[in-house]
Amino acid sequence: MAQMTILAGPERRRRWSDEQRERILSDAFQSGARVCDVARRHDVARSLIYQWRRAARRSAEPAFMPAELLDEPPEKASETTLAIVLDLADGGQLRIFASASPALAVAALKAMR
């Protein structure tokens, strides 16, 4: 006589709708949110959240922002002299001051990608 085992519980390979993925991604990358906490709350693997983010970046259209180049540097450089100001699509701004180290400026710009 043959035996059969029935496994009850959540399906091993779940299907996520686009709306669910977007909601989970927006939760995971809110300011101050930790991906591991969001993954635990939504019962999804952390690696899957990062995979969805990479896929979303690949499929996104590249966006260009206008930039204004000045011929002359500001006359008096101080700690509060702005070197770069980026106006973001969501209304926010990224400001990089002239006193910032080049490594910090590069890190901030890479984070904006």
Protein backbone atom coordinates (compact mmCIF):
# COMPACT_ATOMS: atom_id res chain seq x y z
CA MET A 1 0.00 0.00 0.00
CA ALA A 2 1.36 3.46 -0.94
CA GLN A 3 1.69 6.27 1.55
CA MET A 4 1.08 9.94 0.88
CA THR A 5 2.14 12.87 3.04
CA ILE A 6 0.18 16.12 2.85
CA LEU A 7 2.08 19.22 3.89
CA ALA A 8 -0.13 21.91 5.33
CA GLY A 9 0.98 25.50 5.70
CA PRO A 10 2.14 28.26 3.44
CA GLU A 11 3.06 27.42 -0.12
CA ARG A 12 6.82 27.18 -0.56
CA ARG A 13 6.90 29.26 -3.73
CA ARG A 14 4.63 32.21 -3.33
CA ARG A 15 3.52 34.59 -6.03
CA TRP A 16 3.68 38.32 -5.33
CA SER A 17 1.60 40.80 -7.31
CA ASP A 18 3.24 43.97 -8.61
CA GLU A 19 1.27 46.02 -6.07
CA GLN A 20 2.49 43.84 -3.19
CA ARG A 21 6.09 44.13 -4.39
CA GLU A 22 5.85 47.92 -4.68
CA ARG A 23 4.32 48.19 -1.20
CA ILE A 24 7.02 45.99 0.34
CA LEU A 25 9.79 47.89 -1.47
CA SER A 26 8.42 51.26 -0.38
CA ASP A 27 8.22 50.01 3.22
CA ALA A 28 11.77 48.61 3.08
CA PHE A 29 13.39 51.76 1.79
CA GLN A 30 11.63 54.38 3.89
CA SER A 31 13.94 56.59 5.89
CA GLY A 32 15.03 54.73 9.02
CA ALA A 33 13.50 51.39 7.98
CA ARG A 34 15.53 48.19 8.25
CA VAL A 35 15.15 45.68 5.44
CA CYS A 36 15.35 42.74 7.87
CA ASP A 37 12.42 44.11 9.92
CA VAL A 38 10.29 44.72 6.83
CA ALA A 39 11.13 41.27 5.46
CA ARG A 40 10.09 39.67 8.75
CA ARG A 41 6.85 41.68 8.88
CA HIS A 42 5.86 40.69 5.32
CA ASP A 43 7.24 37.14 5.67
CA VAL A 44 9.60 37.49 2.72
CA ALA A 45 13.35 36.83 2.42
CA ARG A 46 15.65 39.86 2.63
CA SER A 47 17.50 38.73 -0.49
CA LEU A 48 14.22 38.77 -2.43
CA ILE A 49 13.62 42.41 -1.49
CA TYR A 50 17.08 43.36 -2.79
CA GLN A 51 16.47 41.29 -5.94
CA TRP A 52 13.19 43.15 -6.58
CA ARG A 53 14.97 46.48 -6.10
CA ARG A 54 17.69 45.56 -8.62
CA ALA A 55 15.05 44.46 -11.14
CA ALA A 56 13.12 47.70 -10.64
CA ARG A 57 16.27 49.75 -11.23
CA ARG A 58 17.05 47.84 -14.44
CA SER A 59 13.57 48.41 -15.82
CA ALA A 60 13.40 52.10 -14.84
CA GLU A 61 13.80 54.77 -17.46
CA PRO A 62 16.94 56.87 -17.05
CA ALA A 63 16.18 60.38 -15.84
CA PHE A 64 18.23 63.49 -16.47
CA MET A 65 18.18 66.64 -14.39
CA PRO A 66 19.19 70.04 -15.64
CA ALA A 67 22.43 71.38 -14.15
CA GLU A 68 23.73 74.91 -14.08
CA LEU A 69 27.48 75.41 -14.32
CA LEU A 70 28.98 78.62 -13.00
CA ASP A 71 31.97 80.17 -14.73
CA GLU A 72 33.37 81.65 -11.55
CA PRO A 73 33.59 80.13 -8.09
CA PRO A 74 31.92 82.00 -5.23
CA GLU A 75 34.02 84.91 -4.01
CA LYS A 76 34.16 83.92 -0.37
CA ALA A 77 34.11 80.21 0.36
CA SER A 78 32.88 79.27 3.79
CA GLU A 79 31.51 76.18 5.51
CA THR A 80 27.99 77.10 4.39
CA THR A 81 28.86 77.63 0.72
CA LEU A 82 26.84 75.22 -1.40
CA ALA A 83 28.74 73.50 -4.18
CA ILE A 84 25.97 71.26 -5.52
CA VAL A 85 22.20 71.39 -5.10
CA LEU A 86 20.08 68.67 -6.72
CA ASP A 87 16.30 69.13 -6.83
CA LEU A 88 14.71 65.70 -6.60
CA ALA A 89 11.52 64.56 -8.31
CA ASP A 90 9.74 64.08 -4.97
CA GLY A 91 10.36 67.72 -4.01
CA GLY A 92 13.39 67.07 -1.81
CA GLN A 93 16.87 68.41 -2.27
CA LEU A 94 20.37 66.99 -2.02
CA ARG A 95 22.83 69.67 -0.93
CA ILE A 96 26.58 69.16 -0.97
CA PHE A 97 28.63 71.89 0.67
CA ALA A 98 31.99 73.08 -0.61
CA SER A 99 33.64 71.91 2.62
CA ALA A 100 32.54 68.29 2.04
CA SER A 101 35.28 65.81 1.25
CA PRO A 102 35.34 64.41 -2.29
CA ALA A 103 34.70 60.91 -0.90
CA LEU A 104 31.55 62.13 0.87
CA ALA A 105 30.30 63.88 -2.27
CA VAL A 106 30.89 60.76 -4.37
CA ALA A 107 29.12 58.57 -1.80
CA ALA A 108 26.11 60.91 -1.72
CA LEU A 109 25.85 60.99 -5.50
CA LYS A 110 26.20 57.19 -5.78
CA ALA A 111 23.44 56.77 -3.22
CA MET A 112 21.14 58.83 -5.46
CA ARG A 113 21.47 56.36 -8.36
